[in-house]
Amino acid sequence: MLDQESDAEFVNDIAPDVLGVLEKDHFFERLDDLFCPVDRSGRSVSCGHSFDHSVTILQALGMDPDDVDDVLAALKSKGGCFDCEVLYNVAEESRLKARYWKARAAELAADKKP
């Protein structure tokens, strides 16, 4: 078993390739579709502060348990500690992140009105 420092180094080494595979497989888009469907009348899921939705998508992409563990380690190393944070902190773009910041900007604008 690798020590903690070796584990972190391994994760840092594989993270760019892992993220590349996730981009190619449209993982982030699939996760975003669950949390923030393009069709606003569609049902969205809420974050259970877990990776349940991510794991389901990764398994559907054909990843085995070891690959899933590597992906989750890479996501965590980039600030994605659970499903919604993957979209906020790891994905370069997501509708969920955009919707959050648009709402935040609207709140600030409303607060500044006389």
C-alpha atoms as a PDB file:
ATOM      1  CA  MET A   1       0.000   0.000   0.000  1.00  0.00           C
ATOM      2  CA  LEU A   2       1.255   3.458  -0.904  1.00  0.00           C
ATOM      3  CA  ASP A   3       1.846   6.045   1.778  1.00  0.00           C
ATOM      4  CA  GLN A   4      -0.192   9.237   1.819  1.00  0.00           C
ATOM      5  CA  GLU A   5       2.452  11.301   0.017  1.00  0.00           C
ATOM      6  CA  SER A   6       2.810   8.687  -2.730  1.00  0.00           C
ATOM      7  CA  ASP A   7      -0.968   8.513  -3.082  1.00  0.00           C
ATOM      8  CA  ALA A   8      -1.196  12.287  -3.518  1.00  0.00           C
ATOM      9  CA  GLU A   9       1.621  12.248  -6.063  1.00  0.00           C
ATOM     10  CA  PHE A  10      -0.065   9.420  -7.987  1.00  0.00           C
ATOM     11  CA  VAL A  11      -3.391  11.286  -8.035  1.00  0.00           C
ATOM     12  CA  ASN A  12      -1.705  14.502  -9.199  1.00  0.00           C
ATOM     13  CA  ASP A  13       0.059  12.562 -11.949  1.00  0.00           C
ATOM     14  CA  ILE A  14      -3.104  10.924 -13.294  1.00  0.00           C
ATOM     15  CA  ALA A  15      -5.547  13.828 -12.757  1.00  0.00           C
ATOM     16  CA  PRO A  16      -4.981  15.550 -16.147  1.00  0.00           C
ATOM     17  CA  ASP A  17      -5.516  12.278 -18.009  1.00  0.00           C
ATOM     18  CA  VAL A  18      -8.521  11.351 -15.882  1.00  0.00           C
ATOM     19  CA  LEU A  19     -10.138  14.739 -16.543  1.00  0.00           C
ATOM     20  CA  GLY A  20      -9.406  14.337 -20.253  1.00  0.00           C
ATOM     21  CA  VAL A  21     -11.177  10.979 -20.313  1.00  0.00           C
ATOM     22  CA  LEU A  22     -14.126  12.446 -18.409  1.00  0.00           C
ATOM     23  CA  GLU A  23     -14.382  15.311 -20.906  1.00  0.00           C
ATOM     24  CA  LYS A  24     -14.215  12.902 -23.852  1.00  0.00           C
ATOM     25  CA  ASP A  25     -16.911  10.694 -22.325  1.00  0.00           C
ATOM     26  CA  HIS A  26     -19.128  13.753 -21.616  1.00  0.00           C
ATOM     27  CA  PHE A  27     -19.161  12.895 -17.925  1.00  0.00           C
ATOM     28  CA  PHE A  28     -19.515  16.509 -16.785  1.00  0.00           C
ATOM     29  CA  GLU A  29     -22.368  17.120 -19.242  1.00  0.00           C
ATOM     30  CA  ARG A  30     -24.165  13.999 -18.034  1.00  0.00           C
ATOM     31  CA  LEU A  31     -23.786  15.071 -14.415  1.00  0.00           C
ATOM     32  CA  ASP A  32     -24.932  18.596 -15.283  1.00  0.00           C
ATOM     33  CA  ASP A  33     -27.981  17.148 -17.058  1.00  0.00           C
ATOM     34  CA  LEU A  34     -29.020  15.546 -13.768  1.00  0.00           C
ATOM     35  CA  PHE A  35     -28.569  18.653 -11.638  1.00  0.00           C
ATOM     36  CA  CYS A  36     -29.556  21.303 -14.141  1.00  0.00           C
ATOM     37  CA  PRO A  37     -31.519  19.867 -17.081  1.00  0.00           C
ATOM     38  CA  VAL A  38     -31.466  21.885 -20.295  1.00  0.00           C
ATOM     39  CA  ASP A  39     -35.249  21.634 -20.337  1.00  0.00           C
ATOM     40  CA  ARG A  40     -36.153  23.496 -17.154  1.00  0.00           C
ATOM     41  CA  SER A  41     -39.384  21.528 -16.962  1.00  0.00           C
ATOM     42  CA  GLY A  42     -37.262  18.410 -16.483  1.00  0.00           C
ATOM     43  CA  ARG A  43     -36.776  17.039 -13.002  1.00  0.00           C
ATOM     44  CA  SER A  44     -33.433  17.831 -11.390  1.00  0.00           C
ATOM     45  CA  VAL A  45     -31.728  15.875  -8.654  1.00  0.00           C
ATOM     46  CA  SER A  46     -30.371  17.352  -5.466  1.00  0.00           C
ATOM     47  CA  CYS A  47     -26.923  16.762  -4.079  1.00  0.00           C
ATOM     48  CA  GLY A  48     -26.811  14.174  -1.341  1.00  0.00           C
ATOM     49  CA  HIS A  49     -23.287  15.266  -0.393  1.00  0.00           C
ATOM     50  CA  SER A  50     -21.959  12.070  -1.913  1.00  0.00           C
ATOM     51  CA  PHE A  51     -20.705  10.789  -5.244  1.00  0.00           C
ATOM     52  CA  ASP A  52     -23.761   8.589  -5.841  1.00  0.00           C
ATOM     53  CA  HIS A  53     -24.695  10.224  -9.144  1.00  0.00           C
ATOM     54  CA  SER A  54     -21.090  10.366 -10.350  1.00  0.00           C
ATOM     55  CA  VAL A  55     -20.558   6.677  -9.575  1.00  0.00           C
ATOM     56  CA  THR A  56     -23.729   5.744 -11.455  1.00  0.00           C
ATOM     57  CA  ILE A  57     -22.537   7.673 -14.517  1.00  0.00           C
ATOM     58  CA  LEU A  58     -19.016   6.232 -14.329  1.00  0.00           C
ATOM     59  CA  GLN A  59     -20.397   2.698 -14.087  1.00  0.00           C
ATOM     60  CA  ALA A  60     -22.678   3.371 -17.071  1.00  0.00           C
ATOM     61  CA  LEU A  61     -19.557   4.458 -18.971  1.00  0.00           C
ATOM     62  CA  GLY A  62     -18.136   0.978 -18.294  1.00  0.00           C
ATOM     63  CA  MET A  63     -15.620   1.836 -15.599  1.00  0.00           C
ATOM     64  CA  ASP A  64     -14.654  -0.885 -13.148  1.00  0.00           C
ATOM     65  CA  PRO A  65     -14.415  -0.230  -9.394  1.00  0.00           C
ATOM     66  CA  ASP A  66     -10.668   0.546  -9.511  1.00  0.00           C
ATOM     67  CA  ASP A  67     -11.189   3.095 -12.288  1.00  0.00           C
ATOM     68  CA  VAL A  68     -14.074   4.660 -10.356  1.00  0.00           C
ATOM     69  CA  ASP A  69     -11.834   4.967  -7.276  1.00  0.00           C
ATOM     70  CA  ASP A  70      -9.120   6.666  -9.357  1.00  0.00           C
ATOM     71  CA  VAL A  71     -11.638   9.076 -10.879  1.00  0.00           C
ATOM     72  CA  LEU A  72     -13.080   9.990  -7.485  1.00  0.00           C
ATOM     73  CA  ALA A  73      -9.590  10.583  -6.106  1.00  0.00           C
ATOM     74  CA  ALA A  74      -8.794  12.862  -9.048  1.00  0.00           C
ATOM     75  CA  LEU A  75     -12.079  14.764  -8.624  1.00  0.00           C
ATOM     76  CA  LYS A  76     -11.423  15.221  -4.906  1.00  0.00           C
ATOM     77  CA  SER A  77      -7.916  16.512  -5.643  1.00  0.00           C
ATOM     78  CA  LYS A  78      -9.479  19.239  -7.789  1.00  0.00           C
ATOM     79  CA  GLY A  79     -12.011  20.318  -5.157  1.00  0.00           C
ATOM     80  CA  GLY A  80     -14.916  18.050  -6.009  1.00  0.00           C
ATOM     81  CA  CYS A  81     -15.789  16.479  -2.673  1.00  0.00           C
ATOM     82  CA  PHE A  82     -19.223  15.361  -3.839  1.00  0.00           C
ATOM     83  CA  ASP A  83     -21.426  15.484  -6.953  1.00  0.00           C
ATOM     84  CA  CYS A  84     -22.472  19.140  -6.990  1.00  0.00           C
ATOM     85  CA  GLU A  85     -18.958  20.327  -6.133  1.00  0.00           C
ATOM     86  CA  VAL A  86     -17.670  18.458  -9.176  1.00  0.00           C
ATOM     87  CA  LEU A  87     -19.801  20.817 -11.265  1.00  0.00           C
ATOM     88  CA  TYR A  88     -18.902  23.907  -9.220  1.00  0.00           C
ATOM     89  CA  ASN A  89     -15.174  23.299  -8.760  1.00  0.00           C
ATOM     90  CA  VAL A  90     -13.900  20.804 -11.332  1.00  0.00           C
ATOM     91  CA  ALA A  91     -15.932  21.213 -14.522  1.00  0.00           C
ATOM     92  CA  GLU A  92     -14.710  24.127 -16.601  1.00  0.00           C
ATOM     93  CA  GLU A  93     -18.298  24.989 -17.484  1.00  0.00           C
ATOM     94  CA  SER A  94     -21.634  23.828 -16.140  1.00  0.00           C
ATOM     95  CA  ARG A  95     -25.198  25.086 -16.240  1.00  0.00           C
ATOM     96  CA  LEU A  96     -25.435  24.496 -12.497  1.00  0.00           C
ATOM     97  CA  LYS A  97     -22.493  26.817 -11.830  1.00  0.00           C
ATOM     98  CA  ALA A  98     -23.781  29.413 -14.312  1.00  0.00           C
ATOM     99  CA  ARG A  99     -27.280  29.341 -12.810  1.00  0.00           C
ATOM    100  CA  TYR A 100     -25.853  29.803  -9.316  1.00  0.00           C
ATOM    101  CA  TRP A 101     -23.739  32.821 -10.314  1.00  0.00           C
ATOM    102  CA  LYS A 102     -26.545  34.421 -12.328  1.00  0.00           C
ATOM    103  CA  ALA A 103     -28.837  34.160  -9.309  1.00  0.00           C
ATOM    104  CA  ARG A 104     -26.095  35.504  -7.054  1.00  0.00           C
ATOM    105  CA  ALA A 105     -25.511  38.486  -9.355  1.00  0.00           C
ATOM    106  CA  ALA A 106     -29.258  39.174  -9.466  1.00  0.00           C
ATOM    107  CA  GLU A 107     -29.387  39.135  -5.652  1.00  0.00           C
ATOM    108  CA  LEU A 108     -26.534  41.623  -5.433  1.00  0.00           C
ATOM    109  CA  ALA A 109     -28.138  43.875  -8.024  1.00  0.00           C
ATOM    110  CA  ALA A 110     -31.448  43.766  -6.138  1.00  0.00           C
ATOM    111  CA  ASP A 111     -29.670  44.635  -2.875  1.00  0.00           C
ATOM    112  CA  LYS A 112     -28.116  47.745  -4.471  1.00  0.00           C
ATOM    113  CA  LYS A 113     -31.432  49.152  -5.758  1.00  0.00           C
ATOM    114  CA  PRO A 114     -32.695  52.153  -3.782  1.00  0.00           C
END
